[in-house]
PDB file of N, CA and C in Angstrom:
ATOM      1  N   UNK A   1      84.186  80.167  34.142  1.00  0.00           N
ATOM      2  CA  UNK A   1      84.678  81.491  34.616  1.00  0.00           C
ATOM      3  C   UNK A   1      84.618  82.756  35.262  1.00  0.00           C
ATOM      4  N   UNK A   2      85.382  82.986  36.124  1.00  0.00           N
ATOM      5  CA  UNK A   2      85.108  83.945  37.303  1.00  0.00           C
ATOM      6  C   UNK A   2      84.133  85.301  36.850  1.00  0.00           C
ATOM      7  N   UNK A   3      83.533  85.276  37.582  1.00  0.00           N
ATOM      8  CA  UNK A   3      82.804  86.635  37.203  1.00  0.00           C
ATOM      9  C   UNK A   3      83.106  88.254  36.407  1.00  0.00           C
ATOM     10  N   UNK A   4      84.263  88.457  37.278  1.00  0.00           N
ATOM     11  CA  UNK A   4      85.346  89.729  36.393  1.00  0.00           C
ATOM     12  C   UNK A   4      86.243  88.955  35.613  1.00  0.00           C
ATOM     13  N   UNK A   5      86.302  88.210  35.327  1.00  0.00           N
ATOM     14  CA  UNK A   5      87.054  87.996  34.194  1.00  0.00           C
ATOM     15  C   UNK A   5      87.220  88.947  33.325  1.00  0.00           C
ATOM     16  N   UNK A   6      86.625  89.535  32.732  1.00  0.00           N
ATOM     17  CA  UNK A   6      86.924  90.832  32.166  1.00  0.00           C
ATOM     18  C   UNK A   6      88.160  91.871  32.457  1.00  0.00           C
ATOM     19  N   UNK A   7      88.109  92.350  34.054  1.00  0.00           N
ATOM     20  CA  UNK A   7      88.594  93.281  34.141  1.00  0.00           C
ATOM     21  C   UNK A   7      90.442  93.412  33.964  1.00  0.00           C
ATOM     22  N   UNK A   8      90.648  91.908  33.753  1.00  0.00           N
ATOM     23  CA  UNK A   8      92.052  91.910  32.956  1.00  0.00           C
ATOM     24  C   UNK A   8      92.461  91.879  31.260  1.00  0.00           C
ATOM     25  N   UNK A   9      91.491  92.294  30.863  1.00  0.00           N
ATOM     26  CA  UNK A   9      91.242  92.323  29.455  1.00  0.00           C
ATOM     27  C   UNK A   9      91.933  93.476  28.754  1.00  0.00           C
ATOM     28  N   UNK A  10      92.495  93.396  27.642  1.00  0.00           N
ATOM     29  CA  UNK A  10      93.072  94.772  26.972  1.00  0.00           C
ATOM     30  C   UNK A  10      91.900  96.006  27.345  1.00  0.00           C
ATOM     31  N   UNK A  11      90.917  95.216  26.287  1.00  0.00           N
ATOM     32  CA  UNK A  11      89.435  95.786  26.098  1.00  0.00           C
ATOM     33  C   UNK A  11      88.716  96.398  27.259  1.00  0.00           C
ATOM     34  N   UNK A  12      89.045  96.140  28.380  1.00  0.00           N
ATOM     35  CA  UNK A  12      88.177  96.551  29.578  1.00  0.00           C
ATOM     36  C   UNK A  12      89.255  97.558  29.897  1.00  0.00           C
ATOM     37  N   UNK A  13      90.736  97.555  29.836  1.00  0.00           N
ATOM     38  CA  UNK A  13      91.254  98.391  30.913  1.00  0.00           C
ATOM     39  C   UNK A  13      91.494 100.158  29.954  1.00  0.00           C
ATOM     40  N   UNK A  14      90.849  99.332  28.492  1.00  0.00           N
ATOM     41  CA  UNK A  14      91.472 100.502  27.304  1.00  0.00           C
ATOM     42  C   UNK A  14      89.615 101.650  27.903  1.00  0.00           C
ATOM     43  N   UNK A  15      88.253 100.439  27.658  1.00  0.00           N
ATOM     44  CA  UNK A  15      86.996 101.444  28.121  1.00  0.00           C
ATOM     45  C   UNK A  15      87.287 102.166  29.586  1.00  0.00           C
ATOM     46  N   UNK A  16      88.031 101.317  30.437  1.00  0.00           N
ATOM     47  CA  UNK A  16      87.994 101.699  31.774  1.00  0.00           C
ATOM     48  C   UNK A  16      88.861 103.152  31.629  1.00  0.00           C
ATOM     49  N   UNK A  17      89.565 103.502  31.385  1.00  0.00           N
ATOM     50  CA  UNK A  17      90.792 104.840  31.021  1.00  0.00           C
ATOM     51  C   UNK A  17      89.832 106.173  30.189  1.00  0.00           C
ATOM     52  N   UNK A  18      88.546 105.091  28.816  1.00  0.00           N
ATOM     53  CA  UNK A  18      88.152 105.986  28.541  1.00  0.00           C
ATOM     54  C   UNK A  18      87.101 106.767  29.379  1.00  0.00           C
ATOM     55  N   UNK A  19      86.124 105.952  30.300  1.00  0.00           N
ATOM     56  CA  UNK A  19      85.407 106.269  31.160  1.00  0.00           C
ATOM     57  C   UNK A  19      85.810 107.002  32.405  1.00  0.00           C
ATOM     58  N   UNK A  20      87.125 106.938  32.966  1.00  0.00           N
ATOM     59  CA  UNK A  20      87.362 107.740  33.934  1.00  0.00           C
ATOM     60  C   UNK A  20      87.976 109.270  33.062  1.00  0.00           C
ATOM     61  N   UNK A  21      88.789 108.686  31.769  1.00  0.00           N
ATOM     62  CA  UNK A  21      88.785 110.114  31.368  1.00  0.00           C
ATOM     63  C   UNK A  21      87.811 111.225  31.266  1.00  0.00           C
ATOM     64  N   UNK A  22      86.411 110.639  30.436  1.00  0.00           N
ATOM     65  CA  UNK A  22      85.768 111.241  30.238  1.00  0.00           C
ATOM     66  C   UNK A  22      84.727 112.080  31.772  1.00  0.00           C
ATOM     67  N   UNK A  23      84.930 111.330  32.599  1.00  0.00           N
ATOM     68  CA  UNK A  23      83.938 111.525  33.862  1.00  0.00           C
ATOM     69  C   UNK A  23      85.067 112.555  34.807  1.00  0.00           C
ATOM     70  N   UNK A  24      85.932 112.982  34.347  1.00  0.00           N
ATOM     71  CA  UNK A  24      87.321 114.399  34.681  1.00  0.00           C
ATOM     72  C   UNK A  24      87.965 112.746  36.093  1.00  0.00           C
ATOM     73  N   UNK A  25      87.837 111.944  36.443  1.00  0.00           N
ATOM     74  CA  UNK A  25      88.387 111.122  37.132  1.00  0.00           C
ATOM     75  C   UNK A  25      87.828 111.067  38.921  1.00  0.00           C
ATOM     76  N   UNK A  26      86.750 111.356  38.391  1.00  0.00           N
ATOM     77  CA  UNK A  26      86.166 111.768  39.927  1.00  0.00           C
ATOM     78  C   UNK A  26      84.186 111.052  39.787  1.00  0.00           C
ATOM     79  N   UNK A  27      84.151 111.021  40.653  1.00  0.00           N
ATOM     80  CA  UNK A  27      82.324 110.383  41.090  1.00  0.00           C
ATOM     81  C   UNK A  27      81.506 111.384  40.616  1.00  0.00           C
ATOM     82  N   UNK A  28      80.708 110.707  39.536  1.00  0.00           N
ATOM     83  CA  UNK A  28      79.623 110.969  38.501  1.00  0.00           C
ATOM     84  C   UNK A  28      78.413 111.388  39.888  1.00  0.00           C
ATOM     85  N   UNK A  29      78.054 110.644  41.345  1.00  0.00           N
ATOM     86  CA  UNK A  29      77.522 111.593  41.774  1.00  0.00           C
ATOM     87  C   UNK A  29      78.126 112.146  43.129  1.00  0.00           C
ATOM     88  N   UNK A  30      79.195 112.004  43.422  1.00  0.00           N
ATOM     89  CA  UNK A  30      79.272 112.776  44.909  1.00  0.00           C
ATOM     90  C   UNK A  30      80.567 113.963  44.492  1.00  0.00           C
ATOM     91  N   UNK A  31      81.207 113.966  43.591  1.00  0.00           N
ATOM     92  CA  UNK A  31      82.271 113.837  42.989  1.00  0.00           C
ATOM     93  C   UNK A  31      84.064 113.991  43.755  1.00  0.00           C
ATOM     94  N   UNK A  32      83.375 112.877  44.455  1.00  0.00           N
ATOM     95  CA  UNK A  32      85.112 112.536  44.932  1.00  0.00           C
ATOM     96  C   UNK A  32      86.154 111.813  44.072  1.00  0.00           C
ATOM     97  N   UNK A  33      87.653 112.239  43.942  1.00  0.00           N
ATOM     98  CA  UNK A  33      88.106 111.743  43.371  1.00  0.00           C
ATOM     99  C   UNK A  33      89.324 110.676  43.546  1.00  0.00           C
ATOM    100  N   UNK A  34      89.106 109.783  44.465  1.00  0.00           N
ATOM    101  CA  UNK A  34      89.120 108.678  45.006  1.00  0.00           C
ATOM    102  C   UNK A  34      88.940 107.337  45.292  1.00  0.00           C
ATOM    103  N   UNK A  35      89.230 106.411  45.192  1.00  0.00           N
ATOM    104  CA  UNK A  35      89.112 104.317  45.182  1.00  0.00           C
ATOM    105  C   UNK A  35      88.012 104.775  44.484  1.00  0.00           C
ATOM    106  N   UNK A  36      88.058 105.000  42.926  1.00  0.00           N
ATOM    107  CA  UNK A  36      87.267 105.007  42.014  1.00  0.00           C
ATOM    108  C   UNK A  36      86.711 103.318  41.366  1.00  0.00           C
ATOM    109  N   UNK A  37      85.461 103.083  41.063  1.00  0.00           N
ATOM    110  CA  UNK A  37      85.113 102.172  40.026  1.00  0.00           C
ATOM    111  C   UNK A  37      84.603 102.853  38.855  1.00  0.00           C
ATOM    112  N   UNK A  38      84.739 101.417  38.096  1.00  0.00           N
ATOM    113  CA  UNK A  38      84.299 101.977  36.981  1.00  0.00           C
ATOM    114  C   UNK A  38      82.883 101.140  36.821  1.00  0.00           C
ATOM    115  N   UNK A  39      81.738 101.734  37.064  1.00  0.00           N
ATOM    116  CA  UNK A  39      79.827 100.964  37.217  1.00  0.00           C
ATOM    117  C   UNK A  39      79.422 101.157  35.836  1.00  0.00           C
ATOM    118  N   UNK A  40      78.652  99.557  35.918  1.00  0.00           N
ATOM    119  CA  UNK A  40      77.917  99.510  34.666  1.00  0.00           C
ATOM    120  C   UNK A  40      76.419 100.082  34.625  1.00  0.00           C
ATOM    121  N   UNK A  41      76.088 100.651  34.252  1.00  0.00           N
ATOM    122  CA  UNK A  41      75.013 100.887  34.192  1.00  0.00           C
ATOM    123  C   UNK A  41      73.789  99.977  34.290  1.00  0.00           C
ATOM    124  N   UNK A  42      73.607  99.220  33.185  1.00  0.00           N
ATOM    125  CA  UNK A  42      73.171  98.263  32.605  1.00  0.00           C
ATOM    126  C   UNK A  42      73.993  97.069  32.840  1.00  0.00           C
ATOM    127  N   UNK A  43      73.375  96.364  33.897  1.00  0.00           N
ATOM    128  CA  UNK A  43      74.215  95.326  34.358  1.00  0.00           C
ATOM    129  C   UNK A  43      74.466  94.335  33.374  1.00  0.00           C
ATOM    130  N   UNK A  44      75.575  93.754  33.939  1.00  0.00           N
ATOM    131  CA  UNK A  44      76.531  92.956  32.819  1.00  0.00           C
ATOM    132  C   UNK A  44      75.834  91.631  33.048  1.00  0.00           C
ATOM    133  N   UNK A  45      75.215  90.775  33.800  1.00  0.00           N
ATOM    134  CA  UNK A  45      74.241  89.854  33.693  1.00  0.00           C
ATOM    135  C   UNK A  45      72.942  90.305  32.913  1.00  0.00           C
ATOM    136  N   UNK A  46      72.550  91.103  32.732  1.00  0.00           N
ATOM    137  CA  UNK A  46      71.759  91.790  31.667  1.00  0.00           C
ATOM    138  C   UNK A  46      71.992  91.792  30.251  1.00  0.00           C
ATOM    139  N   UNK A  47      73.522  92.597  29.860  1.00  0.00           N
ATOM    140  CA  UNK A  47      73.102  92.384  28.875  1.00  0.00           C
ATOM    141  C   UNK A  47      75.004  92.379  28.786  1.00  0.00           C
ATOM    142  N   UNK A  48      75.369  91.353  28.562  1.00  0.00           N
ATOM    143  CA  UNK A  48      76.687  91.131  28.273  1.00  0.00           C
ATOM    144  C   UNK A  48      77.719  92.160  27.168  1.00  0.00           C
ATOM    145  N   UNK A  49      76.363  92.187  26.106  1.00  0.00           N
ATOM    146  CA  UNK A  49      77.539  92.727  25.181  1.00  0.00           C
ATOM    147  C   UNK A  49      77.939  93.996  25.240  1.00  0.00           C
ATOM    148  N   UNK A  50      77.571  94.711  26.385  1.00  0.00           N
ATOM    149  CA  UNK A  50      77.143  95.969  27.031  1.00  0.00           C
ATOM    150  C   UNK A  50      79.147  96.228  28.094  1.00  0.00           C
ATOM    151  N   UNK A  51      79.872  95.004  27.717  1.00  0.00           N
ATOM    152  CA  UNK A  51      80.566  94.840  29.381  1.00  0.00           C
ATOM    153  C   UNK A  51      81.802  96.300  28.806  1.00  0.00           C
ATOM    154  N   UNK A  52      81.907  96.044  27.410  1.00  0.00           N
ATOM    155  CA  UNK A  52      83.116  97.427  26.853  1.00  0.00           C
ATOM    156  C   UNK A  52      82.124  98.733  26.082  1.00  0.00           C
ATOM    157  N   UNK A  53      81.312  99.039  26.448  1.00  0.00           N
ATOM    158  CA  UNK A  53      80.806  99.835  25.903  1.00  0.00           C
ATOM    159  C   UNK A  53      80.764 100.818  26.822  1.00  0.00           C
ATOM    160  N   UNK A  54      81.496 102.463  26.936  1.00  0.00           N
ATOM    161  CA  UNK A  54      81.352 103.291  27.659  1.00  0.00           C
ATOM    162  C   UNK A  54      80.260 103.876  27.959  1.00  0.00           C
ATOM    163  N   UNK A  55      79.510 104.015  27.283  1.00  0.00           N
ATOM    164  CA  UNK A  55      78.086 105.112  27.240  1.00  0.00           C
ATOM    165  C   UNK A  55      77.358 103.787  27.990  1.00  0.00           C
ATOM    166  N   UNK A  56      77.700 102.889  28.388  1.00  0.00           N
ATOM    167  CA  UNK A  56      77.088 102.013  29.470  1.00  0.00           C
ATOM    168  C   UNK A  56      78.170 102.072  31.088  1.00  0.00           C
ATOM    169  N   UNK A  57      78.772 102.427  30.912  1.00  0.00           N
ATOM    170  CA  UNK A  57      79.468 103.235  32.017  1.00  0.00           C
ATOM    171  C   UNK A  57      79.590 104.208  32.617  1.00  0.00           C
ATOM    172  N   UNK A  58      79.649 104.583  34.059  1.00  0.00           N
ATOM    173  CA  UNK A  58      80.019 105.938  35.152  1.00  0.00           C
ATOM    174  C   UNK A  58      80.783 105.315  36.087  1.00  0.00           C
ATOM    175  N   UNK A  59      81.689 106.709  36.066  1.00  0.00           N
ATOM    176  CA  UNK A  59      82.968 106.472  37.198  1.00  0.00           C
ATOM    177  C   UNK A  59      82.111 106.328  39.050  1.00  0.00           C
ATOM    178  N   UNK A  60      82.171 105.810  39.191  1.00  0.00           N
ATOM    179  CA  UNK A  60      81.218 106.162  40.836  1.00  0.00           C
ATOM    180  C   UNK A  60      82.793 105.492  41.946  1.00  0.00           C
ATOM    181  N   UNK A  61      82.486 106.394  43.458  1.00  0.00           N
ATOM    182  CA  UNK A  61      83.618 106.264  44.381  1.00  0.00           C
ATOM    183  C   UNK A  61      83.233 104.918  44.836  1.00  0.00           C
ATOM    184  N   UNK A  62      84.191 104.605  45.819  1.00  0.00           N
ATOM    185  CA  UNK A  62      83.775 103.140  46.354  1.00  0.00           C
ATOM    186  C   UNK A  62      81.928 102.761  47.161  1.00  0.00           C
ATOM    187  N   UNK A  63      81.860 104.407  47.694  1.00  0.00           N
ATOM    188  CA  UNK A  63      80.784 104.477  48.499  1.00  0.00           C
ATOM    189  C   UNK A  63      79.441 104.990  47.647  1.00  0.00           C
ATOM    190  N   UNK A  64      79.453 105.463  46.347  1.00  0.00           N
ATOM    191  CA  UNK A  64      78.300 105.466  45.815  1.00  0.00           C
ATOM    192  C   UNK A  64      78.484 104.463  45.192  1.00  0.00           C
ATOM    193  N   UNK A  65      79.175 103.613  44.818  1.00  0.00           N
ATOM    194  CA  UNK A  65      78.960 102.451  43.892  1.00  0.00           C
ATOM    195  C   UNK A  65      78.742 101.403  44.804  1.00  0.00           C
ATOM    196  N   UNK A  66      78.647 101.570  46.203  1.00  0.00           N
ATOM    197  CA  UNK A  66      77.850 100.599  46.926  1.00  0.00           C
ATOM    198  C   UNK A  66      76.281 100.841  46.829  1.00  0.00           C
ATOM    199  N   UNK A  67      76.116 101.845  47.179  1.00  0.00           N
ATOM    200  CA  UNK A  67      74.509 102.622  47.399  1.00  0.00           C
ATOM    201  C   UNK A  67      74.043 102.373  46.138  1.00  0.00           C
ATOM    202  N   UNK A  68      74.848 101.908  44.907  1.00  0.00           N
ATOM    203  CA  UNK A  68      73.986 101.556  43.763  1.00  0.00           C
ATOM    204  C   UNK A  68      73.929 100.450  43.637  1.00  0.00           C
ATOM    205  N   UNK A  69      74.612  99.208  44.353  1.00  0.00           N
ATOM    206  CA  UNK A  69      74.343  97.906  44.911  1.00  0.00           C
ATOM    207  C   UNK A  69      73.451  97.361  45.636  1.00  0.00           C
ATOM    208  N   UNK A  70      73.142  98.316  46.474  1.00  0.00           N
ATOM    209  CA  UNK A  70      72.618  98.200  47.934  1.00  0.00           C
ATOM    210  C   UNK A  70      71.726  96.926  47.809  1.00  0.00           C
ATOM    211  N   UNK A  71      70.553  97.146  46.840  1.00  0.00           N
ATOM    212  CA  UNK A  71      69.586  96.356  46.635  1.00  0.00           C
ATOM    213  C   UNK A  71      70.275  94.645  46.367  1.00  0.00           C
ATOM    214  N   UNK A  72      70.991  94.470  45.678  1.00  0.00           N
ATOM    215  CA  UNK A  72      71.667  93.515  45.473  1.00  0.00           C
ATOM    216  C   UNK A  72      72.565  92.466  46.456  1.00  0.00           C
ATOM    217  N   UNK A  73      73.141  93.397  47.738  1.00  0.00           N
ATOM    218  CA  UNK A  73      74.079  93.195  48.628  1.00  0.00           C
ATOM    219  C   UNK A  73      73.150  92.989  50.032  1.00  0.00           C
ATOM    220  N   UNK A  74      71.748  93.084  50.120  1.00  0.00           N
ATOM    221  CA  UNK A  74      70.577  92.575  51.382  1.00  0.00           C
ATOM    222  C   UNK A  74      71.892  93.394  52.551  1.00  0.00           C
ATOM    223  N   UNK A  75      71.844  92.296  53.387  1.00  0.00           N
ATOM    224  CA  UNK A  75      72.316  92.631  54.686  1.00  0.00           C
ATOM    225  C   UNK A  75      74.071  93.291  55.411  1.00  0.00           C
ATOM    226  N   UNK A  76      74.273  92.505  53.881  1.00  0.00           N
ATOM    227  CA  UNK A  76      76.358  92.774  53.929  1.00  0.00           C
ATOM    228  C   UNK A  76      76.364  94.490  53.794  1.00  0.00           C
ATOM    229  N   UNK A  77      75.067  94.987  52.970  1.00  0.00           N
ATOM    230  CA  UNK A  77      75.061  96.301  52.635  1.00  0.00           C
ATOM    231  C   UNK A  77      75.346  97.564  54.214  1.00  0.00           C
ATOM    232  N   UNK A  78      74.803  97.101  54.816  1.00  0.00           N
ATOM    233  CA  UNK A  78      74.752  98.032  56.068  1.00  0.00           C
ATOM    234  C   UNK A  78      76.073  97.992  56.843  1.00  0.00           C
ATOM    235  N   UNK A  79      76.675  96.823  56.477  1.00  0.00           N
ATOM    236  CA  UNK A  79      78.071  96.995  57.462  1.00  0.00           C
ATOM    237  C   UNK A  79      79.310  97.860  56.581  1.00  0.00           C
ATOM    238  N   UNK A  80      79.086  96.932  55.030  1.00  0.00           N
ATOM    239  CA  UNK A  80      80.125  97.798  54.150  1.00  0.00           C
ATOM    240  C   UNK A  80      79.492  99.394  54.134  1.00  0.00           C
ATOM    241  N   UNK A  81      78.436  99.890  54.836  1.00  0.00           N
ATOM    242  CA  UNK A  81      77.965 101.223  54.106  1.00  0.00           C
ATOM    243  C   UNK A  81      78.417 101.721  55.540  1.00  0.00           C
ATOM    244  N   UNK A  82      78.990 101.497  56.641  1.00  0.00           N
ATOM    245  CA  UNK A  82      79.234 102.023  57.681  1.00  0.00           C
ATOM    246  C   UNK A  82      80.868 101.998  57.801  1.00  0.00           C
ATOM    247  N   UNK A  83      81.177 100.834  56.949  1.00  0.00           N
ATOM    248  CA  UNK A  83      82.547 101.152  57.133  1.00  0.00           C
ATOM    249  C   UNK A  83      83.202 102.455  55.741  1.00  0.00           C
ATOM    250  N   UNK A  84      82.207 102.569  54.802  1.00  0.00           N
ATOM    251  CA  UNK A  84      82.366 103.839  54.327  1.00  0.00           C
ATOM    252  C   UNK A  84      82.106 104.884  55.019  1.00  0.00           C
ATOM    253  N   UNK A  85      81.416 105.258  55.856  1.00  0.00           N
ATOM    254  CA  UNK A  85      81.219 106.223  56.452  1.00  0.00           C
ATOM    255  C   UNK A  85      82.298 106.675  57.307  1.00  0.00           C
ATOM    256  N   UNK A  86      82.661 105.332  57.984  1.00  0.00           N
ATOM    257  CA  UNK A  86      83.941 105.741  58.773  1.00  0.00           C
ATOM    258  C   UNK A  86      84.719 106.178  57.696  1.00  0.00           C
ATOM    259  N   UNK A  87      85.333 105.833  56.904  1.00  0.00           N
ATOM    260  CA  UNK A  87      86.298 106.442  56.118  1.00  0.00           C
ATOM    261  C   UNK A  87      86.398 107.713  55.753  1.00  0.00           C
ATOM    262  N   UNK A  88      85.366 108.481  55.916  1.00  0.00           N
ATOM    263  CA  UNK A  88      85.192 110.027  55.244  1.00  0.00           C
ATOM    264  C   UNK A  88      85.140 111.056  56.157  1.00  0.00           C
TER     265      UNK A  88
END
């Protein structure tokens, strides 16, 4: 099963909407209101039971989401980070 299988479920779409509404459709780190992602605070692989818990999610823009995952991305993070900076 693909790692992002849950994003097409009605339950995730509802959770995502709740989180975006709660956070005012803005990145909680920088305040941007575009290219928004819903980030799991405790990673899905650590606590799969929290996938649909809005209290374990927060709204981040692409760039801030990338920063949160930088340690996991390793060398790819620099290229993605540079790309993000070009967009700003």
